[in-house]
Amino acid sequence: MKIPSSIWTLLIGIVLTLVSFWYGQNHGLLPTAASDEAVLVDGLFNTMMIVSTGIFLLVEGVLIYSAFKYRRRAGDNEDGPPVEGNVPLEILWTAIPAIIVLGISVYSFDVYNEIGGFDPHAVHEAPITQQSMTMPGAAIAATLNDSPFSTEPNLNQEKSDEAMQDPATAAVRNADQIPQKRNAPGVGSVAPTIGGSRDKAGQPPELLVNITGLQYAWIFTYPETGITTGELHVPVGREVKVNMTANDVIHAFWVPEFRLKQDVIPGRQSEIRFTPKIAGTYDLICAELCGPYHGAMRSQIVVETQQAFDQWMQEQQVASKETLNQAVALNPADQSPDEFLAPYTKDMGIKSEMLTQVHPAHHH
């Protein structure tokens, strides 16, 4: 008995759907999802993998079938039948991809909002004053840098001043040498920000960390305790807010297991929030080409239990006090601060050239 083509089409469609769903959920292409945000991003990625796998199998299957079914056979020298086109078919294969792209776009935007990526209150038009209206090009200039025509508050300067109230942060940032630029949403020039997730919107973070990027290392400071370290420690299940800026060139904060990446820009105060959920040690990678040793600019994020985190904080506070006491008692007059602190900063993963950039005045 000959099976109708409609039945074959249905069976093939069911098989393709099942294979696509299975591979979309079991592709194994992503590392461990170690944060609450990673779960949301993985859902989006898996959906795109399901759709992509289905389309790939369908298109390649039709091509292979057609190449075999309609191949030129020996002794066949006739021309193929003329085909004028099929308008309904063309509409169909144009409409389906359009619907898929639109659906993924809506889903992507929802995930972005869910992890706190879009703040409608931060979007406003570039300020235009009477003076800027009378000067060609001044309306655009008013949205950039520290234009005198702008009447909007300099949010980057405010965040920088707040961070610099912490002595530990002020010791590693050269904010006085890098002017803080004004945000200009009208032309897309803003400090990158991923705020709190939707269920935590408006709530203060449970842990605040200031991060300073410089060639070629990350320095972490904890404003509430004054701790400075070369690796980031955070507790499981607590939302962490990190304020980031760079001392020299553009860097990028990227933790693959967290599914988060954020640019770290001189003159701008980037912000990102995340909630780690699986204990472990994860690589923090600079994802922006920042110089010849960019590939070596790595650090670690240690996600641990609350008890282990509290113990680490106590150990760091004790160690910092001991280092300070030794520095006061033992530093000879003929050594520069950079030279004397080198043995101590080495244990923190901070190299001597980093100190040179943080405190360039000592080398003039």
Protein backbone atom coordinates (compact mmCIF):
# COMPACT_ATOMS: atom_id res chain seq x y z
CA MET A 1 0.00 0.00 0.00
CA LYS A 2 1.34 3.37 -1.01
CA ILE A 3 1.44 5.86 1.84
CA PRO A 4 0.03 9.29 0.84
CA SER A 5 2.49 12.18 0.69
CA SER A 6 0.47 14.07 3.32
CA ILE A 7 1.08 11.24 5.81
CA TRP A 8 4.80 11.27 4.98
CA THR A 9 4.89 15.03 5.50
CA LEU A 10 3.18 14.70 8.89
CA LEU A 11 5.50 11.92 10.05
CA ILE A 12 8.61 13.80 8.92
CA GLY A 13 7.35 16.95 10.66
CA ILE A 14 6.83 15.06 13.92
CA VAL A 15 10.30 13.50 13.76
CA LEU A 16 11.95 16.87 12.99
CA THR A 17 10.09 18.51 15.87
CA LEU A 18 11.08 15.82 18.37
CA VAL A 19 14.74 15.86 17.25
CA SER A 20 14.84 19.66 17.39
CA PHE A 21 13.38 19.79 20.90
CA TRP A 22 15.73 17.07 22.13
CA TYR A 23 18.86 18.69 20.73
CA GLY A 24 17.77 22.17 21.83
CA GLN A 25 17.66 20.94 25.43
CA ASN A 26 20.71 18.63 25.29
CA HIS A 27 23.25 20.42 23.08
CA GLY A 28 25.87 20.74 25.84
CA LEU A 29 27.30 23.91 24.31
CA LEU A 30 27.08 26.09 27.42
CA PRO A 31 29.08 25.94 30.66
CA THR A 32 27.43 25.57 34.07
CA ALA A 33 24.63 28.06 34.71
CA ALA A 34 25.98 29.50 37.95
CA SER A 35 23.67 32.49 38.46
CA ASP A 36 19.95 33.18 38.48
CA GLU A 37 20.38 35.32 35.35
CA ALA A 38 22.08 32.44 33.52
CA VAL A 39 18.93 30.31 33.74
CA LEU A 40 16.93 32.97 31.88
CA VAL A 41 19.59 33.41 29.22
CA ASP A 42 19.86 29.64 28.76
CA GLY A 43 16.11 29.42 28.17
CA LEU A 44 16.43 31.93 25.33
CA PHE A 45 19.49 30.18 23.91
CA ASN A 46 17.79 26.77 24.02
CA THR A 47 14.75 28.18 22.23
CA MET A 48 16.95 29.56 19.45
CA MET A 49 18.74 26.21 19.22
CA ILE A 50 15.39 24.38 18.85
CA VAL A 51 14.27 26.70 16.06
CA SER A 52 17.68 26.68 14.35
CA THR A 53 17.96 22.90 14.48
CA GLY A 54 14.49 22.45 13.00
CA ILE A 55 15.17 24.88 10.17
CA PHE A 56 18.59 23.36 9.47
CA LEU A 57 17.26 19.80 9.29
CA LEU A 58 14.31 20.84 7.13
CA VAL A 59 16.35 22.86 4.63
CA GLU A 60 19.23 20.40 4.40
CA GLY A 61 16.80 17.47 4.19
CA VAL A 62 14.95 19.03 1.26
CA LEU A 63 18.26 19.81 -0.49
CA ILE A 64 19.60 16.27 -0.07
CA TYR A 65 16.28 14.72 -1.12
CA SER A 66 16.04 16.96 -4.17
CA ALA A 67 19.64 16.35 -5.18
CA PHE A 68 19.00 12.59 -5.09
CA LYS A 69 15.44 12.51 -6.43
CA TYR A 70 15.96 14.90 -9.34
CA ARG A 71 19.54 14.09 -10.22
CA ARG A 72 20.46 13.81 -13.88
CA ARG A 73 20.33 10.20 -14.98
CA ALA A 74 22.37 8.54 -17.71
CA GLY A 75 20.97 9.23 -21.18
CA ASP A 76 18.72 12.10 -20.00
CA ASN A 77 19.58 15.09 -22.23
CA GLU A 78 16.27 16.94 -21.99
CA ASP A 79 15.80 20.34 -20.38
CA GLY A 80 13.99 20.55 -17.11
CA PRO A 81 10.37 21.76 -17.07
CA PRO A 82 9.96 25.56 -16.91
CA VAL A 83 8.82 26.78 -13.50
CA GLU A 84 7.22 30.23 -13.37
CA GLY A 85 7.07 30.49 -9.58
CA ASN A 86 4.62 29.92 -6.79
CA VAL A 87 3.35 33.06 -5.10
CA PRO A 88 1.67 31.35 -2.10
CA LEU A 89 4.86 29.37 -1.44
CA GLU A 90 7.01 32.51 -1.60
CA ILE A 91 4.66 34.30 0.79
CA LEU A 92 4.80 31.32 3.13
CA TRP A 93 8.59 31.07 3.29
CA THR A 94 8.83 34.82 3.80
CA ALA A 95 6.15 35.01 6.50
CA ILE A 96 7.40 32.08 8.59
CA PRO A 97 10.96 33.47 9.11
CA ALA A 98 9.50 36.91 9.83
CA ILE A 99 7.24 35.46 12.54
CA ILE A 100 10.15 33.47 14.01
CA VAL A 101 12.45 36.51 14.12
CA LEU A 102 9.71 38.67 15.67
CA GLY A 103 8.97 36.02 18.30
CA ILE A 104 12.63 35.62 19.27
CA SER A 105 12.99 39.42 19.42
CA VAL A 106 10.09 39.73 21.85
CA TYR A 107 11.43 36.83 23.94
CA SER A 108 14.93 38.36 23.97
CA PHE A 109 13.61 41.72 25.11
CA ASP A 110 11.60 40.05 27.87
CA VAL A 111 14.70 38.20 29.13
CA TYR A 112 16.69 41.43 28.97
CA ASN A 113 14.07 43.16 31.08
CA GLU A 114 13.84 40.21 33.46
CA ILE A 115 17.54 40.45 34.35
CA GLY A 116 17.26 44.21 34.80
CA GLY A 117 18.76 45.35 31.52
CA PHE A 118 16.18 48.01 30.61
CA ASP A 119 15.34 50.94 32.83
CA PRO A 120 12.62 53.10 31.22
CA HIS A 121 13.28 55.87 33.74
CA ALA A 122 16.85 56.23 32.44
CA VAL A 123 15.73 56.92 28.87
CA HIS A 124 15.26 60.58 28.14
CA GLU A 125 15.86 62.90 25.25
CA ALA A 126 19.07 64.85 24.93
CA PRO A 127 18.68 68.30 26.50
CA ILE A 128 18.30 71.16 24.03
CA THR A 129 18.59 74.72 25.26
CA GLN A 130 17.95 78.01 23.47
CA GLN A 131 21.69 78.46 23.02
CA SER A 132 22.11 75.01 21.52
CA MET A 133 19.27 75.68 19.07
CA THR A 134 21.06 78.71 17.68
CA MET A 135 24.41 76.96 17.19
CA PRO A 136 24.78 74.44 14.32
CA GLY A 137 25.63 71.02 15.70
CA ALA A 138 25.39 72.18 19.30
CA ALA A 139 22.30 70.06 19.99
CA ILE A 140 24.39 66.96 19.36
CA ALA A 141 27.40 68.36 21.18
CA ALA A 142 25.20 69.00 24.19
CA THR A 143 24.67 65.28 24.58
CA LEU A 144 28.37 64.40 24.61
CA ASN A 145 31.07 64.59 27.25
CA ASP A 146 30.83 67.58 29.60
CA SER A 147 29.20 70.10 27.31
CA PRO A 148 28.45 73.44 28.98
CA PHE A 149 25.10 73.49 27.21
CA SER A 150 23.78 70.48 29.11
CA THR A 151 21.69 71.10 32.19
CA GLU A 152 21.27 67.43 33.05
CA PRO A 153 23.11 66.08 36.13
CA ASN A 154 26.33 64.20 35.42
CA LEU A 155 25.32 60.79 36.72
CA ASN A 156 28.76 59.30 36.10
CA GLN A 157 30.36 62.02 38.21
CA GLU A 158 27.84 61.44 41.00
CA LYS A 159 28.49 57.67 40.99
CA SER A 160 32.23 58.25 40.86
CA ASP A 161 32.11 60.64 43.83
CA GLU A 162 30.05 58.11 45.78
CA ALA A 163 32.52 55.31 45.04
CA MET A 164 35.50 57.51 45.90
CA GLN A 165 34.14 58.01 49.41
CA ASP A 166 35.54 54.57 50.10
CA PRO A 167 39.29 55.05 50.84
CA ALA A 168 40.16 51.63 49.43
CA THR A 169 38.48 52.45 46.11
CA ALA A 170 40.00 55.93 45.99
CA ALA A 171 43.45 54.37 46.45
CA VAL A 172 43.23 52.36 43.23
CA ARG A 173 41.23 54.66 40.95
CA ASN A 174 42.70 57.69 39.24
CA ALA A 175 39.36 59.43 38.85
CA ASP A 176 41.00 62.84 39.21
CA GLN A 177 42.87 62.22 35.94
CA ILE A 178 39.91 60.89 33.92
CA PRO A 179 36.95 63.27 33.47
CA GLN A 180 33.59 61.65 34.03
CA LYS A 181 31.53 61.87 30.83
CA ARG A 182 27.88 62.78 30.71
CA ASN A 183 25.35 60.19 29.63
CA ALA A 184 23.68 60.96 26.32
CA PRO A 185 20.87 58.46 25.62
CA GLY A 186 19.79 60.51 22.60
CA VAL A 187 22.88 59.40 20.69
CA GLY A 188 23.45 56.10 22.50
CA SER A 189 26.39 57.31 24.60
CA VAL A 190 25.68 56.02 28.10
CA ALA A 191 27.31 54.07 30.89
CA PRO A 192 26.40 50.37 30.44
CA THR A 193 24.00 49.22 33.15
CA ILE A 194 22.23 45.98 34.04
CA GLY A 195 20.11 46.69 37.08
CA GLY A 196 18.31 44.45 39.50
CA SER A 197 16.16 41.62 38.21
CA ARG A 198 12.43 42.21 37.84
CA ASP A 199 11.57 40.54 41.14
CA LYS A 200 14.20 42.63 42.94
CA ALA A 201 13.59 45.96 41.21
CA GLY A 202 13.84 48.89 43.59
CA GLN A 203 15.48 46.84 46.34
CA PRO A 204 19.00 47.67 47.55
CA PRO A 205 21.68 45.08 46.70
CA GLU A 206 22.77 42.68 49.41
CA LEU A 207 26.47 43.13 48.62
CA LEU A 208 28.29 46.04 46.96
CA VAL A 209 31.68 45.71 45.27
CA ASN A 210 33.68 48.31 43.37
CA ILE A 211 35.75 46.98 40.47
CA THR A 212 38.60 48.82 38.78
CA GLY A 213 40.01 47.55 35.50
CA LEU A 214 43.49 48.44 34.33
CA GLN A 215 46.15 46.97 32.13
CA TYR A 216 46.17 44.10 32.84
CA ALA A 217 44.30 43.17 36.00
CA TRP A 218 41.11 43.55 38.00
CA ILE A 219 41.12 45.12 41.47
CA PHE A 220 38.13 44.54 43.77
CA THR A 221 37.29 46.73 46.75
CA TYR A 222 34.53 46.17 49.31
CA PRO A 223 33.35 49.62 50.48
CA GLU A 224 31.67 48.33 53.62
CA THR A 225 34.88 46.77 54.94
CA GLY A 226 37.73 48.53 53.12
CA ILE A 227 39.05 45.21 51.75
CA THR A 228 41.10 45.30 48.56
CA THR A 229 41.81 42.06 46.73
CA GLY A 230 42.77 40.58 43.38
CA GLU A 231 39.92 38.07 43.24
CA LEU A 232 36.22 38.48 43.82
CA HIS A 233 34.50 36.54 46.61
CA VAL A 234 30.70 36.49 46.78
CA PRO A 235 28.19 34.41 48.79
CA VAL A 236 25.66 32.04 47.25
CA GLY A 237 22.11 33.32 46.88
CA ARG A 238 22.78 37.00 47.60
CA GLU A 239 22.36 39.68 44.95
CA VAL A 240 25.67 41.39 44.19
CA LYS A 241 25.98 44.84 42.69
CA VAL A 242 29.30 45.80 41.12
CA ASN A 243 30.25 49.34 40.13
CA MET A 244 32.96 49.32 37.49
CA THR A 245 35.24 51.76 35.73
CA ALA A 246 38.65 51.65 34.05
CA ASN A 247 41.85 53.56 34.72
CA ASP A 248 43.19 53.49 31.17
CA VAL A 249 41.38 51.81 28.24
CA ILE A 250 38.13 49.94 27.66
CA HIS A 251 37.93 46.52 29.32
CA ALA A 252 34.99 44.11 29.61
CA PHE A 253 33.72 42.14 32.61
CA TRP A 254 32.75 38.67 31.36
CA VAL A 255 31.92 35.54 33.36
CA PRO A 256 30.70 32.80 30.98
CA GLU A 257 29.02 30.81 33.76
CA PHE A 258 26.99 33.88 34.76
CA ARG A 259 26.00 34.65 31.12
CA LEU A 260 26.82 38.30 31.79
CA LYS A 261 29.20 40.66 30.02
CA GLN A 262 29.56 44.38 30.56
CA ASP A 263 31.97 46.97 29.18
CA VAL A 264 34.20 48.80 31.65
CA ILE A 265 34.93 52.25 30.26
CA PRO A 266 37.21 55.11 31.41
CA GLY A 267 35.13 58.09 32.42
CA ARG A 268 31.94 56.08 32.85
CA GLN A 269 30.51 54.12 35.77
CA SER A 270 29.22 50.76 34.56
CA GLU A 271 26.89 48.79 36.79
CA ILE A 272 25.81 45.19 36.82
CA ARG A 273 23.84 43.03 39.27
CA PHE A 274 23.79 39.27 39.52
CA THR A 275 22.83 36.55 41.99
CA PRO A 276 25.21 33.56 42.10
CA LYS A 277 23.51 30.25 42.81
CA ILE A 278 26.17 27.51 42.54
CA ALA A 279 29.30 27.47 44.69
CA GLY A 280 32.58 27.19 42.81
CA THR A 281 35.45 29.12 41.27
CA TYR A 282 34.81 30.82 37.93
CA ASP A 283 37.06 32.72 35.55
CA LEU A 284 36.59 36.44 35.11
CA ILE A 285 37.80 37.30 31.61
CA CYS A 286 38.41 40.63 29.93
CA ALA A 287 36.39 40.36 26.71
CA GLU A 288 37.66 43.61 25.14
CA LEU A 289 41.03 43.84 23.38
CA CYS A 290 42.86 46.13 25.82
CA GLY A 291 46.51 45.81 24.80
CA PRO A 292 49.29 43.31 24.03
CA TYR A 293 48.73 41.33 27.26
CA HIS A 294 44.94 41.29 26.97
CA GLY A 295 44.86 37.49 26.98
CA ALA A 296 46.49 37.39 30.42
CA MET A 297 43.94 39.73 32.01
CA ARG A 298 42.06 37.14 34.03
CA SER A 299 40.93 36.81 37.58
CA GLN A 300 38.67 34.51 39.55
CA ILE A 301 35.26 34.79 41.13
CA VAL A 302 34.85 32.54 44.16
CA VAL A 303 31.21 31.73 44.95
CA GLU A 304 30.95 30.21 48.41
CA THR A 305 28.57 29.67 51.28
CA GLN A 306 27.68 32.57 53.53
CA GLN A 307 29.75 31.06 56.35
CA ALA A 308 32.83 30.65 54.16
CA PHE A 309 32.38 34.17 52.80
CA ASP A 310 32.15 35.67 56.29
CA GLN A 311 35.29 33.79 57.31
CA TRP A 312 37.13 35.04 54.23
CA MET A 313 36.09 38.62 54.99
CA GLN A 314 37.45 38.30 58.54
CA GLU A 315 40.72 36.86 57.28
CA GLN A 316 41.11 39.69 54.78
CA GLN A 317 40.45 42.33 57.41
CA VAL A 318 43.03 40.80 59.73
CA ALA A 319 45.55 40.49 56.89
CA SER A 320 45.05 44.10 55.82
CA LYS A 321 45.61 45.34 59.38
CA GLU A 322 48.81 43.31 59.66
CA THR A 323 50.04 44.64 56.32
CA LEU A 324 49.32 48.21 57.41
CA ASN A 325 51.16 47.72 60.70
CA GLN A 326 54.18 46.30 58.90
CA ALA A 327 54.13 49.13 56.40
CA VAL A 328 54.12 51.75 59.14
CA ALA A 329 56.82 50.06 61.22
CA LEU A 330 59.20 48.74 58.60
CA ASN A 331 59.13 50.95 55.53
CA PRO A 332 62.61 52.49 55.11
CA ALA A 333 62.82 56.06 53.89
CA ASP A 334 64.70 55.14 50.71
CA GLN A 335 61.90 52.94 49.29
CA SER A 336 58.99 54.23 47.26
CA PRO A 337 55.48 53.09 48.24
CA ASP A 338 55.32 50.92 45.12
CA GLU A 339 58.59 49.16 45.93
CA PHE A 340 57.68 48.55 49.54
CA LEU A 341 54.16 47.29 48.85
CA ALA A 342 55.26 44.92 46.06
CA PRO A 343 55.73 41.85 48.33
CA TYR A 344 52.27 42.34 49.83
CA THR A 345 50.40 43.12 46.62
CA LYS A 346 51.97 40.10 44.95
CA ASP A 347 49.90 37.85 47.22
CA MET A 348 46.79 39.70 46.03
CA GLY A 349 47.64 39.17 42.37
CA ILE A 350 48.55 42.84 41.86
CA LYS A 351 51.73 43.46 39.90
CA SER A 352 54.17 46.34 40.30
CA GLU A 353 53.26 47.91 36.96
CA MET A 354 49.67 48.11 38.16
CA LEU A 355 50.77 50.23 41.12
CA THR A 356 52.63 52.47 38.70
CA GLN A 357 49.41 53.15 36.83
CA VAL A 358 47.34 53.60 39.95
CA HIS A 359 49.81 56.06 41.50
CA PRO A 360 51.71 57.59 38.57
CA ALA A 361 52.69 60.64 40.62
CA HIS A 362 55.33 58.59 42.44
CA HIS A 363 57.22 58.11 39.21
CA HIS A 364 57.40 61.69 37.94
